[in-house]
Amino acid sequence: MYKRGGAVALGGCAAITTGTSEPLSVETLASTGEVTGATCKLVNSKGVWFVSSTPGSVTVHSAYGPLDVTCKKAGQKPGLATVDSATKGMISGNLLFGGLIGAAIDAGTGVGYDYPALIQV
């Protein structure tokens, strides 16, 4: 039973507290203002997701590295954006409580990183 508890402690602190997915909102803009009804494709190293109509939202898998966003609407130029992930503060705390193994799990699964909650393209 002691070993089992130790494995959970080393299982990745951020994964336990925040999970591997995060919700994002996507808005599309032009020089004249907001563009509604665009479709968007979001891609990172963990997968591909779609927003069927902007403004809209989607849940993506957290990852280390950029999230590439491409939005299209008839009569408009395609919108392209690259959003970098940011390190969550809890990764530092994980070094104290989960050690290097816990921090490595958080980094490898992507849960130690997140994207901005609102992406404007």
PDB file of N, CA and C in Angstrom:
ATOM      1  N   MET A   1       0.818  -1.174   0.000  1.00  0.00           N
ATOM      2  CA  MET A   1       0.000   0.000   0.000  1.00  0.00           C
ATOM      3  C   MET A   1       0.871   1.250   0.000  1.00  0.00           C
ATOM      4  N   TYR A   2       1.991   1.241   0.647  1.00  0.00           N
ATOM      5  CA  TYR A   2       2.892   2.383   0.671  1.00  0.00           C
ATOM      6  C   TYR A   2       3.414   2.680  -0.723  1.00  0.00           C
ATOM      7  N   LYS A   3       3.797   1.648  -1.463  1.00  0.00           N
ATOM      8  CA  LYS A   3       4.304   1.858  -2.824  1.00  0.00           C
ATOM      9  C   LYS A   3       3.227   2.450  -3.711  1.00  0.00           C
ATOM     10  N   ARG A   4       2.005   2.007  -3.553  1.00  0.00           N
ATOM     11  CA  ARG A   4       0.922   2.526  -4.381  1.00  0.00           C
ATOM     12  C   ARG A   4       0.744   4.022  -4.148  1.00  0.00           C
ATOM     13  N   GLY A   5       0.764   4.464  -2.904  1.00  0.00           N
ATOM     14  CA  GLY A   5       0.649   5.892  -2.594  1.00  0.00           C
ATOM     15  C   GLY A   5       1.811   6.675  -3.171  1.00  0.00           C
ATOM     16  N   GLY A   6       3.015   6.090  -3.154  1.00  0.00           N
ATOM     17  CA  GLY A   6       4.184   6.760  -3.713  1.00  0.00           C
ATOM     18  C   GLY A   6       4.051   6.931  -5.210  1.00  0.00           C
ATOM     19  N   ALA A   7       3.465   5.962  -5.882  1.00  0.00           N
ATOM     20  CA  ALA A   7       3.301   6.059  -7.333  1.00  0.00           C
ATOM     21  C   ALA A   7       2.340   7.181  -7.687  1.00  0.00           C
ATOM     22  N   VAL A   8       1.315   7.359  -6.893  1.00  0.00           N
ATOM     23  CA  VAL A   8       0.382   8.439  -7.154  1.00  0.00           C
ATOM     24  C   VAL A   8       1.072   9.778  -6.946  1.00  0.00           C
ATOM     25  N   ALA A   9       1.882   9.898  -5.921  1.00  0.00           N
ATOM     26  CA  ALA A   9       2.577  11.154  -5.664  1.00  0.00           C
ATOM     27  C   ALA A   9       3.524  11.497  -6.803  1.00  0.00           C
ATOM     28  N   LEU A  10       4.069  10.499  -7.468  1.00  0.00           N
ATOM     29  CA  LEU A  10       4.992  10.741  -8.564  1.00  0.00           C
ATOM     30  C   LEU A  10       4.282  10.757  -9.913  1.00  0.00           C
ATOM     31  N   GLY A  11       2.976  10.620  -9.907  1.00  0.00           N
ATOM     32  CA  GLY A  11       2.224  10.520 -11.144  1.00  0.00           C
ATOM     33  C   GLY A  11       2.065  11.808 -11.913  1.00  0.00           C
ATOM     34  N   GLY A  12       2.539  12.908 -11.411  1.00  0.00           N
ATOM     35  CA  GLY A  12       2.412  14.168 -12.108  1.00  0.00           C
ATOM     36  C   GLY A  12       1.402  15.067 -11.426  1.00  0.00           C
ATOM     37  N   CYS A  13       1.890  16.076 -10.737  1.00  0.00           N
ATOM     38  CA  CYS A  13       1.033  16.945  -9.941  1.00  0.00           C
ATOM     39  C   CYS A  13       0.032  17.705 -10.804  1.00  0.00           C
ATOM     40  N   ALA A  14       0.460  18.305 -11.897  1.00  0.00           N
ATOM     41  CA  ALA A  14      -0.453  19.089 -12.731  1.00  0.00           C
ATOM     42  C   ALA A  14      -1.522  18.199 -13.347  1.00  0.00           C
ATOM     43  N   ALA A  15      -1.171  16.974 -13.708  1.00  0.00           N
ATOM     44  CA  ALA A  15      -2.153  16.065 -14.300  1.00  0.00           C
ATOM     45  C   ALA A  15      -3.271  15.763 -13.314  1.00  0.00           C
ATOM     46  N   ILE A  16      -2.946  15.676 -12.059  1.00  0.00           N
ATOM     47  CA  ILE A  16      -3.937  15.371 -11.038  1.00  0.00           C
ATOM     48  C   ILE A  16      -4.835  16.578 -10.796  1.00  0.00           C
ATOM     49  N   THR A  17      -4.277  17.778 -10.786  1.00  0.00           N
ATOM     50  CA  THR A  17      -5.059  18.957 -10.426  1.00  0.00           C
ATOM     51  C   THR A  17      -5.760  19.630 -11.597  1.00  0.00           C
ATOM     52  N   THR A  18      -5.228  19.527 -12.831  1.00  0.00           N
ATOM     53  CA  THR A  18      -5.844  20.254 -13.949  1.00  0.00           C
ATOM     54  C   THR A  18      -6.249  19.379 -15.124  1.00  0.00           C
ATOM     55  N   GLY A  19      -5.777  18.179 -15.222  1.00  0.00           N
ATOM     56  CA  GLY A  19      -6.118  17.318 -16.349  1.00  0.00           C
ATOM     57  C   GLY A  19      -5.283  17.622 -17.575  1.00  0.00           C
ATOM     58  N   THR A  20      -5.567  16.914 -18.651  1.00  0.00           N
ATOM     59  CA  THR A  20      -4.754  17.040 -19.861  1.00  0.00           C
ATOM     60  C   THR A  20      -5.405  17.900 -20.935  1.00  0.00           C
ATOM     61  N   SER A  21      -6.618  18.392 -20.696  1.00  0.00           N
ATOM     62  CA  SER A  21      -7.337  19.190 -21.688  1.00  0.00           C
ATOM     63  C   SER A  21      -7.652  20.566 -21.144  1.00  0.00           C
ATOM     64  N   GLU A  22      -7.883  21.510 -22.071  1.00  0.00           N
ATOM     65  CA  GLU A  22      -8.268  22.851 -21.668  1.00  0.00           C
ATOM     66  C   GLU A  22      -9.218  23.463 -22.684  1.00  0.00           C
ATOM     67  N   PRO A  23     -10.230  24.189 -22.202  1.00  0.00           N
ATOM     68  CA  PRO A  23     -11.172  24.839 -23.120  1.00  0.00           C
ATOM     69  C   PRO A  23     -10.584  26.147 -23.649  1.00  0.00           C
ATOM     70  N   LEU A  24     -10.807  26.419 -24.931  1.00  0.00           N
ATOM     71  CA  LEU A  24     -10.356  27.660 -25.559  1.00  0.00           C
ATOM     72  C   LEU A  24     -11.509  28.293 -26.314  1.00  0.00           C
ATOM     73  N   SER A  25     -11.538  29.615 -26.363  1.00  0.00           N
ATOM     74  CA  SER A  25     -12.495  30.346 -27.187  1.00  0.00           C
ATOM     75  C   SER A  25     -11.740  30.949 -28.360  1.00  0.00           C
ATOM     76  N   VAL A  26     -12.378  30.947 -29.538  1.00  0.00           N
ATOM     77  CA  VAL A  26     -11.759  31.491 -30.745  1.00  0.00           C
ATOM     78  C   VAL A  26     -12.671  32.560 -31.321  1.00  0.00           C
ATOM     79  N   GLU A  27     -12.082  33.735 -31.591  1.00  0.00           N
ATOM     80  CA  GLU A  27     -12.774  34.824 -32.258  1.00  0.00           C
ATOM     81  C   GLU A  27     -12.011  35.172 -33.524  1.00  0.00           C
ATOM     82  N   THR A  28     -12.715  35.579 -34.567  1.00  0.00           N
ATOM     83  CA  THR A  28     -12.064  36.011 -35.801  1.00  0.00           C
ATOM     84  C   THR A  28     -12.338  37.494 -36.007  1.00  0.00           C
ATOM     85  N   LEU A  29     -11.281  38.210 -36.390  1.00  0.00           N
ATOM     86  CA  LEU A  29     -11.349  39.655 -36.548  1.00  0.00           C
ATOM     87  C   LEU A  29     -10.813  40.069 -37.910  1.00  0.00           C
ATOM     88  N   ALA A  30     -11.296  41.191 -38.407  1.00  0.00           N
ATOM     89  CA  ALA A  30     -10.770  41.825 -39.613  1.00  0.00           C
ATOM     90  C   ALA A  30     -10.565  43.297 -39.273  1.00  0.00           C
ATOM     91  N   SER A  31      -9.985  44.049 -40.172  1.00  0.00           N
ATOM     92  CA  SER A  31      -9.750  45.467 -39.900  1.00  0.00           C
ATOM     93  C   SER A  31     -11.065  46.218 -39.673  1.00  0.00           C
ATOM     94  N   THR A  32     -12.167  45.665 -40.174  1.00  0.00           N
ATOM     95  CA  THR A  32     -13.477  46.301 -40.010  1.00  0.00           C
ATOM     96  C   THR A  32     -14.201  45.844 -38.751  1.00  0.00           C
ATOM     97  N   GLY A  33     -13.639  44.904 -38.020  1.00  0.00           N
ATOM     98  CA  GLY A  33     -14.268  44.420 -36.790  1.00  0.00           C
ATOM     99  C   GLY A  33     -14.363  42.909 -36.757  1.00  0.00           C
ATOM    100  N   GLU A  34     -15.269  42.413 -35.933  1.00  0.00           N
ATOM    101  CA  GLU A  34     -15.422  40.973 -35.751  1.00  0.00           C
ATOM    102  C   GLU A  34     -16.018  40.316 -36.994  1.00  0.00           C
ATOM    103  N   VAL A  35     -15.477  39.156 -37.337  1.00  0.00           N
ATOM    104  CA  VAL A  35     -16.005  38.338 -38.431  1.00  0.00           C
ATOM    105  C   VAL A  35     -16.646  37.114 -37.791  1.00  0.00           C
ATOM    106  N   THR A  36     -17.921  36.908 -38.045  1.00  0.00           N
ATOM    107  CA  THR A  36     -18.605  35.751 -37.474  1.00  0.00           C
ATOM    108  C   THR A  36     -18.796  34.687 -38.539  1.00  0.00           C
ATOM    109  N   GLY A  37     -18.944  33.454 -38.102  1.00  0.00           N
ATOM    110  CA  GLY A  37     -19.246  32.355 -39.017  1.00  0.00           C
ATOM    111  C   GLY A  37     -18.059  31.727 -39.710  1.00  0.00           C
ATOM    112  N   ALA A  38     -16.840  32.029 -39.280  1.00  0.00           N
ATOM    113  CA  ALA A  38     -15.656  31.393 -39.873  1.00  0.00           C
ATOM    114  C   ALA A  38     -15.474  30.001 -39.271  1.00  0.00           C
ATOM    115  N   THR A  39     -14.850  29.106 -40.018  1.00  0.00           N
ATOM    116  CA  THR A  39     -14.483  27.789 -39.495  1.00  0.00           C
ATOM    117  C   THR A  39     -12.986  27.797 -39.199  1.00  0.00           C
ATOM    118  N   CYS A  40     -12.593  27.150 -38.121  1.00  0.00           N
ATOM    119  CA  CYS A  40     -11.194  27.179 -37.702  1.00  0.00           C
ATOM    120  C   CYS A  40     -10.676  25.774 -37.407  1.00  0.00           C
ATOM    121  N   LYS A  41      -9.419  25.580 -37.736  1.00  0.00           N
ATOM    122  CA  LYS A  41      -8.709  24.330 -37.468  1.00  0.00           C
ATOM    123  C   LYS A  41      -7.562  24.663 -36.510  1.00  0.00           C
ATOM    124  N   LEU A  42      -7.483  23.939 -35.404  1.00  0.00           N
ATOM    125  CA  LEU A  42      -6.433  24.132 -34.405  1.00  0.00           C
ATOM    126  C   LEU A  42      -5.581  22.874 -34.354  1.00  0.00           C
ATOM    127  N   VAL A  43      -4.259  23.037 -34.429  1.00  0.00           N
ATOM    128  CA  VAL A  43      -3.346  21.897 -34.488  1.00  0.00           C
ATOM    129  C   VAL A  43      -2.180  22.112 -33.526  1.00  0.00           C
ATOM    130  N   ASN A  44      -1.894  21.089 -32.709  1.00  0.00           N
ATOM    131  CA  ASN A  44      -0.646  21.063 -31.937  1.00  0.00           C
ATOM    132  C   ASN A  44      -0.091  19.642 -31.983  1.00  0.00           C
ATOM    133  N   SER A  45       0.955  19.387 -31.223  1.00  0.00           N
ATOM    134  CA  SER A  45       1.603  18.071 -31.268  1.00  0.00           C
ATOM    135  C   SER A  45       0.734  16.948 -30.707  1.00  0.00           C
ATOM    136  N   LYS A  46      -0.380  17.286 -30.062  1.00  0.00           N
ATOM    137  CA  LYS A  46      -1.256  16.279 -29.458  1.00  0.00           C
ATOM    138  C   LYS A  46      -2.511  15.995 -30.265  1.00  0.00           C
ATOM    139  N   GLY A  47      -2.788  16.790 -31.331  1.00  0.00           N
ATOM    140  CA  GLY A  47      -3.974  16.507 -32.117  1.00  0.00           C
ATOM    141  C   GLY A  47      -4.460  17.661 -32.962  1.00  0.00           C
ATOM    142  N   VAL A  48      -5.671  17.473 -33.511  1.00  0.00           N
ATOM    143  CA  VAL A  48      -6.330  18.448 -34.382  1.00  0.00           C
ATOM    144  C   VAL A  48      -7.764  18.629 -33.877  1.00  0.00           C
ATOM    145  N   TRP A  49      -8.219  19.890 -33.802  1.00  0.00           N
ATOM    146  CA  TRP A  49      -9.565  20.213 -33.348  1.00  0.00           C
ATOM    147  C   TRP A  49     -10.170  21.251 -34.272  1.00  0.00           C
ATOM    148  N   PHE A  50     -11.502  21.355 -34.270  1.00  0.00           N
ATOM    149  CA  PHE A  50     -12.198  22.267 -35.171  1.00  0.00           C
ATOM    150  C   PHE A  50     -13.219  23.105 -34.410  1.00  0.00           C
ATOM    151  N   VAL A  51     -13.351  24.353 -34.829  1.00  0.00           N
ATOM    152  CA  VAL A  51     -14.436  25.225 -34.397  1.00  0.00           C
ATOM    153  C   VAL A  51     -15.297  25.405 -35.635  1.00  0.00           C
ATOM    154  N   SER A  52     -16.559  25.010 -35.568  1.00  0.00           N
ATOM    155  CA  SER A  52     -17.425  25.013 -36.755  1.00  0.00           C
ATOM    156  C   SER A  52     -17.908  26.406 -37.123  1.00  0.00           C
ATOM    157  N   SER A  53     -17.969  27.329 -36.167  1.00  0.00           N
ATOM    158  CA  SER A  53     -18.428  28.685 -36.454  1.00  0.00           C
ATOM    159  C   SER A  53     -17.940  29.625 -35.362  1.00  0.00           C
ATOM    160  N   THR A  54     -17.319  30.731 -35.769  1.00  0.00           N
ATOM    161  CA  THR A  54     -16.828  31.707 -34.796  1.00  0.00           C
ATOM    162  C   THR A  54     -17.856  32.799 -34.566  1.00  0.00           C
ATOM    163  N   PRO A  55     -17.882  33.374 -33.351  1.00  0.00           N
ATOM    164  CA  PRO A  55     -17.065  32.952 -32.226  1.00  0.00           C
ATOM    165  C   PRO A  55     -17.505  31.580 -31.723  1.00  0.00           C
ATOM    166  N   GLY A  56     -16.551  30.819 -31.249  1.00  0.00           N
ATOM    167  CA  GLY A  56     -16.854  29.476 -30.781  1.00  0.00           C
ATOM    168  C   GLY A  56     -15.818  28.990 -29.803  1.00  0.00           C
ATOM    169  N   SER A  57     -16.019  27.799 -29.300  1.00  0.00           N
ATOM    170  CA  SER A  57     -15.077  27.237 -28.337  1.00  0.00           C
ATOM    171  C   SER A  57     -14.820  25.768 -28.646  1.00  0.00           C
ATOM    172  N   VAL A  58     -13.714  25.290 -28.118  1.00  0.00           N
ATOM    173  CA  VAL A  58     -13.294  23.918 -28.324  1.00  0.00           C
ATOM    174  C   VAL A  58     -12.402  23.521 -27.151  1.00  0.00           C
ATOM    175  N   THR A  59     -12.346  22.252 -26.846  1.00  0.00           N
ATOM    176  CA  THR A  59     -11.441  21.748 -25.816  1.00  0.00           C
ATOM    177  C   THR A  59     -10.294  21.036 -26.510  1.00  0.00           C
ATOM    178  N   VAL A  60      -9.063  21.486 -26.229  1.00  0.00           N
ATOM    179  CA  VAL A  60      -7.871  20.909 -26.855  1.00  0.00           C
ATOM    180  C   VAL A  60      -7.033  20.195 -25.805  1.00  0.00           C
ATOM    181  N   HIS A  61      -6.129  19.354 -26.263  1.00  0.00           N
ATOM    182  CA  HIS A  61      -5.183  18.674 -25.388  1.00  0.00           C
ATOM    183  C   HIS A  61      -4.007  19.621 -25.156  1.00  0.00           C
ATOM    184  N   SER A  62      -3.678  19.884 -23.913  1.00  0.00           N
ATOM    185  CA  SER A  62      -2.545  20.742 -23.580  1.00  0.00           C
ATOM    186  C   SER A  62      -1.261  20.140 -24.109  1.00  0.00           C
ATOM    187  N   ALA A  63      -0.322  20.992 -24.519  1.00  0.00           N
ATOM    188  CA  ALA A  63       0.939  20.503 -25.066  1.00  0.00           C
ATOM    189  C   ALA A  63       2.036  21.538 -24.893  1.00  0.00           C
ATOM    190  N   TYR A  64       3.260  21.058 -24.854  1.00  0.00           N
ATOM    191  CA  TYR A  64       4.411  21.945 -24.940  1.00  0.00           C
ATOM    192  C   TYR A  64       4.564  22.290 -26.414  1.00  0.00           C
ATOM    193  N   GLY A  65       4.667  23.545 -26.719  1.00  0.00           N
ATOM    194  CA  GLY A  65       4.837  23.959 -28.101  1.00  0.00           C
ATOM    195  C   GLY A  65       3.631  24.706 -28.614  1.00  0.00           C
ATOM    196  N   PRO A  66       3.743  25.204 -29.830  1.00  0.00           N
ATOM    197  CA  PRO A  66       2.708  26.086 -30.362  1.00  0.00           C
ATOM    198  C   PRO A  66       1.429  25.385 -30.772  1.00  0.00           C
ATOM    199  N   LEU A  67       0.364  26.184 -30.803  1.00  0.00           N
ATOM    200  CA  LEU A  67      -0.929  25.777 -31.334  1.00  0.00           C
ATOM    201  C   LEU A  67      -1.139  26.615 -32.587  1.00  0.00           C
ATOM    202  N   ASP A  68      -1.230  25.954 -33.739  1.00  0.00           N
ATOM    203  CA  ASP A  68      -1.439  26.654 -35.001  1.00  0.00           C
ATOM    204  C   ASP A  68      -2.931  26.724 -35.283  1.00  0.00           C
ATOM    205  N   VAL A  69      -3.415  27.927 -35.599  1.00  0.00           N
ATOM    206  CA  VAL A  69      -4.837  28.156 -35.829  1.00  0.00           C
ATOM    207  C   VAL A  69      -5.021  28.729 -37.231  1.00  0.00           C
ATOM    208  N   THR A  70      -5.876  28.092 -38.028  1.00  0.00           N
ATOM    209  CA  THR A  70      -6.218  28.564 -39.365  1.00  0.00           C
ATOM    210  C   THR A  70      -7.728  28.719 -39.439  1.00  0.00           C
ATOM    211  N   CYS A  71      -8.182  29.929 -39.794  1.00  0.00           N
ATOM    212  CA  CYS A  71      -9.618  30.190 -39.899  1.00  0.00           C
ATOM    213  C   CYS A  71      -9.949  30.643 -41.320  1.00  0.00           C
ATOM    214  N   LYS A  72     -11.103  30.180 -41.821  1.00  0.00           N
ATOM    215  CA  LYS A  72     -11.511  30.508 -43.187  1.00  0.00           C
ATOM    216  C   LYS A  72     -12.993  30.871 -43.219  1.00  0.00           C
ATOM    217  N   LYS A  73     -13.301  31.813 -44.104  1.00  0.00           N
ATOM    218  CA  LYS A  73     -14.687  32.182 -44.382  1.00  0.00           C
ATOM    219  C   LYS A  73     -14.733  32.697 -45.825  1.00  0.00           C
ATOM    220  N   ALA A  74     -15.747  32.296 -46.569  1.00  0.00           N
ATOM    221  CA  ALA A  74     -15.901  32.732 -47.953  1.00  0.00           C
ATOM    222  C   ALA A  74     -15.917  34.263 -48.016  1.00  0.00           C
ATOM    223  N   GLY A  75     -15.178  34.798 -48.971  1.00  0.00           N
ATOM    224  CA  GLY A  75     -15.129  36.242 -49.149  1.00  0.00           C
ATOM    225  C   GLY A  75     -14.110  36.945 -48.270  1.00  0.00           C
ATOM    226  N   GLN A  76     -13.414  36.199 -47.422  1.00  0.00           N
ATOM    227  CA  GLN A  76     -12.401  36.761 -46.524  1.00  0.00           C
ATOM    228  C   GLN A  76     -11.059  36.066 -46.761  1.00  0.00           C
ATOM    229  N   LYS A  77      -9.965  36.775 -46.506  1.00  0.00           N
ATOM    230  CA  LYS A  77      -8.649  36.144 -46.543  1.00  0.00           C
ATOM    231  C   LYS A  77      -8.550  35.192 -45.351  1.00  0.00           C
ATOM    232  N   PRO A  78      -7.863  34.072 -45.529  1.00  0.00           N
ATOM    233  CA  PRO A  78      -7.690  33.158 -44.385  1.00  0.00           C
ATOM    234  C   PRO A  78      -6.948  33.857 -43.240  1.00  0.00           C
ATOM    235  N   GLY A  79      -7.343  33.512 -42.028  1.00  0.00           N
ATOM    236  CA  GLY A  79      -6.659  34.035 -40.847  1.00  0.00           C
ATOM    237  C   GLY A  79      -5.741  32.971 -40.282  1.00  0.00           C
ATOM    238  N   LEU A  80      -4.520  33.355 -39.980  1.00  0.00           N
ATOM    239  CA  LEU A  80      -3.527  32.425 -39.433  1.00  0.00           C
ATOM    240  C   LEU A  80      -2.972  32.984 -38.137  1.00  0.00           C
ATOM    241  N   ALA A  81      -2.816  32.132 -37.152  1.00  0.00           N
ATOM    242  CA  ALA A  81      -2.207  32.535 -35.883  1.00  0.00           C
ATOM    243  C   ALA A  81      -1.443  31.362 -35.295  1.00  0.00           C
ATOM    244  N   THR A  82      -0.374  31.668 -34.616  1.00  0.00           N
ATOM    245  CA  THR A  82       0.371  30.676 -33.848  1.00  0.00           C
ATOM    246  C   THR A  82       0.406  31.163 -32.411  1.00  0.00           C
ATOM    247  N   VAL A  83      -0.087  30.324 -31.517  1.00  0.00           N
ATOM    248  CA  VAL A  83      -0.180  30.681 -30.102  1.00  0.00           C
ATOM    249  C   VAL A  83       0.778  29.786 -29.331  1.00  0.00           C
ATOM    250  N   ASP A  84       1.698  30.402 -28.606  1.00  0.00           N
ATOM    251  CA  ASP A  84       2.656  29.628 -27.815  1.00  0.00           C
ATOM    252  C   ASP A  84       2.044  29.183 -26.500  1.00  0.00           C
ATOM    253  N   SER A  85       2.458  28.015 -26.032  1.00  0.00           N
ATOM    254  CA  SER A  85       2.019  27.548 -24.719  1.00  0.00           C
ATOM    255  C   SER A  85       2.880  28.205 -23.651  1.00  0.00           C
ATOM    256  N   ALA A  86       2.323  28.325 -22.473  1.00  0.00           N
ATOM    257  CA  ALA A  86       3.035  28.904 -21.340  1.00  0.00           C
ATOM    258  C   ALA A  86       3.135  27.850 -20.234  1.00  0.00           C
ATOM    259  N   THR A  87       4.211  27.908 -19.494  1.00  0.00           N
ATOM    260  CA  THR A  87       4.412  26.967 -18.400  1.00  0.00           C
ATOM    261  C   THR A  87       3.513  27.343 -17.233  1.00  0.00           C
ATOM    262  N   LYS A  88       2.789  26.368 -16.730  1.00  0.00           N
ATOM    263  CA  LYS A  88       1.955  26.585 -15.544  1.00  0.00           C
ATOM    264  C   LYS A  88       2.853  26.691 -14.323  1.00  0.00           C
ATOM    265  N   GLY A  89       2.486  27.525 -13.385  1.00  0.00           N
ATOM    266  CA  GLY A  89       3.262  27.714 -12.167  1.00  0.00           C
ATOM    267  C   GLY A  89       3.407  26.449 -11.346  1.00  0.00           C
ATOM    268  N   MET A  90       2.430  25.549 -11.447  1.00  0.00           N
ATOM    269  CA  MET A  90       2.467  24.346 -10.621  1.00  0.00           C
ATOM    270  C   MET A  90       3.591  23.387 -11.023  1.00  0.00           C
ATOM    271  N   ILE A  91       4.178  23.571 -12.200  1.00  0.00           N
ATOM    272  CA  ILE A  91       5.300  22.706 -12.591  1.00  0.00           C
ATOM    273  C   ILE A  91       6.473  22.919 -11.637  1.00  0.00           C
ATOM    274  N   SER A  92       6.686  24.173 -11.209  1.00  0.00           N
ATOM    275  CA  SER A  92       7.759  24.455 -10.248  1.00  0.00           C
ATOM    276  C   SER A  92       7.480  23.782  -8.913  1.00  0.00           C
ATOM    277  N   GLY A  93       6.223  23.850  -8.475  1.00  0.00           N
ATOM    278  CA  GLY A  93       5.846  23.191  -7.229  1.00  0.00           C
ATOM    279  C   GLY A  93       5.992  21.694  -7.314  1.00  0.00           C
ATOM    280  N   ASN A  94       5.801  21.159  -8.503  1.00  0.00           N
ATOM    281  CA  ASN A  94       5.918  19.723  -8.682  1.00  0.00           C
ATOM    282  C   ASN A  94       7.348  19.250  -8.454  1.00  0.00           C
ATOM    283  N   LEU A  95       8.330  20.097  -8.727  1.00  0.00           N
ATOM    284  CA  LEU A  95       9.718  19.731  -8.444  1.00  0.00           C
ATOM    285  C   LEU A  95       9.901  19.470  -6.954  1.00  0.00           C
ATOM    286  N   LEU A  96       9.185  20.243  -6.131  1.00  0.00           N
ATOM    287  CA  LEU A  96       9.294  20.065  -4.681  1.00  0.00           C
ATOM    288  C   LEU A  96       8.559  18.828  -4.190  1.00  0.00           C
ATOM    289  N   PHE A  97       7.339  18.593  -4.719  1.00  0.00           N
ATOM    290  CA  PHE A  97       6.501  17.528  -4.189  1.00  0.00           C
ATOM    291  C   PHE A  97       6.538  16.240  -4.999  1.00  0.00           C
ATOM    292  N   GLY A  98       6.711  16.324  -6.285  1.00  0.00           N
ATOM    293  CA  GLY A  98       6.727  15.134  -7.131  1.00  0.00           C
ATOM    294  C   GLY A  98       8.107  14.800  -7.644  1.00  0.00           C
ATOM    295  N   GLY A  99       9.057  15.695  -7.392  1.00  0.00           N
ATOM    296  CA  GLY A  99      10.414  15.469  -7.838  1.00  0.00           C
ATOM    297  C   GLY A  99      10.541  15.594  -9.351  1.00  0.00           C
ATOM    298  N   LEU A 100      11.691  15.242  -9.834  1.00  0.00           N
ATOM    299  CA  LEU A 100      11.955  15.341 -11.270  1.00  0.00           C
ATOM    300  C   LEU A 100      11.061  14.422 -12.086  1.00  0.00           C
ATOM    301  N   ILE A 101      10.699  13.276 -11.518  1.00  0.00           N
ATOM    302  CA  ILE A 101       9.840  12.345 -12.258  1.00  0.00           C
ATOM    303  C   ILE A 101       8.472  12.960 -12.488  1.00  0.00           C
ATOM    304  N   GLY A 102       7.879  13.555 -11.460  1.00  0.00           N
ATOM    305  CA  GLY A 102       6.574  14.199 -11.600  1.00  0.00           C
ATOM    306  C   GLY A 102       6.620  15.357 -12.586  1.00  0.00           C
ATOM    307  N   ALA A 103       7.673  16.180 -12.522  1.00  0.00           N
ATOM    308  CA  ALA A 103       7.815  17.304 -13.447  1.00  0.00           C
ATOM    309  C   ALA A 103       7.999  16.803 -14.871  1.00  0.00           C
ATOM    310  N   ALA A 104       8.745  15.723 -15.039  1.00  0.00           N
ATOM    311  CA  ALA A 104       8.946  15.159 -16.379  1.00  0.00           C
ATOM    312  C   ALA A 104       7.641  14.609 -16.948  1.00  0.00           C
ATOM    313  N   ILE A 105       6.824  13.987 -16.106  1.00  0.00           N
ATOM    314  CA  ILE A 105       5.523  13.483 -16.566  1.00  0.00           C
ATOM    315  C   ILE A 105       4.641  14.647 -17.002  1.00  0.00           C
ATOM    316  N   ASP A 106       4.597  15.711 -16.198  1.00  0.00           N
ATOM    317  CA  ASP A 106       3.796  16.884 -16.560  1.00  0.00           C
ATOM    318  C   ASP A 106       4.273  17.489 -17.875  1.00  0.00           C
ATOM    319  N   ALA A 107       5.565  17.591 -18.054  1.00  0.00           N
ATOM    320  CA  ALA A 107       6.105  18.160 -19.285  1.00  0.00           C
ATOM    321  C   ALA A 107       5.845  17.246 -20.477  1.00  0.00           C
ATOM    322  N   GLY A 108       6.023  15.956 -20.308  1.00  0.00           N
ATOM    323  CA  GLY A 108       5.843  15.012 -21.404  1.00  0.00           C
ATOM    324  C   GLY A 108       4.409  14.850 -21.854  1.00  0.00           C
ATOM    325  N   THR A 109       3.465  14.946 -20.929  1.00  0.00           N
ATOM    326  CA  THR A 109       2.056  14.802 -21.285  1.00  0.00           C
ATOM    327  C   THR A 109       1.446  16.125 -21.737  1.00  0.00           C
ATOM    328  N   GLY A 110       2.134  17.226 -21.488  1.00  0.00           N
ATOM    329  CA  GLY A 110       1.628  18.535 -21.882  1.00  0.00           C
ATOM    330  C   GLY A 110       0.813  19.235 -20.824  1.00  0.00           C
ATOM    331  N   VAL A 111       0.500  18.570 -19.730  1.00  0.00           N
ATOM    332  CA  VAL A 111      -0.362  19.186 -18.724  1.00  0.00           C
ATOM    333  C   VAL A 111       0.329  20.301 -17.945  1.00  0.00           C
ATOM    334  N   GLY A 112       1.621  20.408 -18.049  1.00  0.00           N
ATOM    335  CA  GLY A 112       2.346  21.482 -17.382  1.00  0.00           C
ATOM    336  C   GLY A 112       2.312  22.776 -18.167  1.00  0.00           C
ATOM    337  N   TYR A 113       1.559  22.806 -19.262  1.00  0.00           N
ATOM    338  CA  TYR A 113       1.509  23.972 -20.139  1.00  0.00           C
ATOM    339  C   TYR A 113       0.064  24.308 -20.468  1.00  0.00           C
ATOM    340  N   ASP A 114      -0.177  25.569 -20.815  1.00  0.00           N
ATOM    341  CA  ASP A 114      -1.509  25.940 -21.281  1.00  0.00           C
ATOM    342  C   ASP A 114      -1.435  27.058 -22.303  1.00  0.00           C
ATOM    343  N   TYR A 115      -2.539  27.255 -22.989  1.00  0.00           N
ATOM    344  CA  TYR A 115      -2.680  28.303 -23.994  1.00  0.00           C
ATOM    345  C   TYR A 115      -3.577  29.394 -23.425  1.00  0.00           C
ATOM    346  N   PRO A 116      -3.565  30.586 -24.019  1.00  0.00           N
ATOM    347  CA  PRO A 116      -4.497  31.616 -23.556  1.00  0.00           C
ATOM    348  C   PRO A 116      -5.940  31.129 -23.734  1.00  0.00           C
ATOM    349  N   ALA A 117      -6.815  31.519 -22.835  1.00  0.00           N
ATOM    350  CA  ALA A 117      -8.209  31.084 -22.890  1.00  0.00           C
ATOM    351  C   ALA A 117      -8.948  31.660 -24.100  1.00  0.00           C
ATOM    352  N   LEU A 118      -8.512  32.824 -24.594  1.00  0.00           N
ATOM    353  CA  LEU A 118      -9.129  33.453 -25.754  1.00  0.00           C
ATOM    354  C   LEU A 118      -8.087  33.627 -26.848  1.00  0.00           C
ATOM    355  N   ILE A 119      -8.389  33.106 -28.024  1.00  0.00           N
ATOM    356  CA  ILE A 119      -7.495  33.257 -29.175  1.00  0.00           C
ATOM    357  C   ILE A 119      -8.215  34.103 -30.219  1.00  0.00           C
ATOM    358  N   GLN A 120      -7.571  35.188 -30.629  1.00  0.00           N
ATOM    359  CA  GLN A 120      -8.140  36.053 -31.661  1.00  0.00           C
ATOM    360  C   GLN A 120      -7.309  35.909 -32.923  1.00  0.00           C
ATOM    361  N   VAL A 121      -8.004  35.584 -34.029  1.00  0.00           N
ATOM    362  CA  VAL A 121      -7.339  35.369 -35.318  1.00  0.00           C
ATOM    363  C   VAL A 121      -7.800  36.444 -36.272  1.00  0.00           C
TER     364      VAL A 121
END
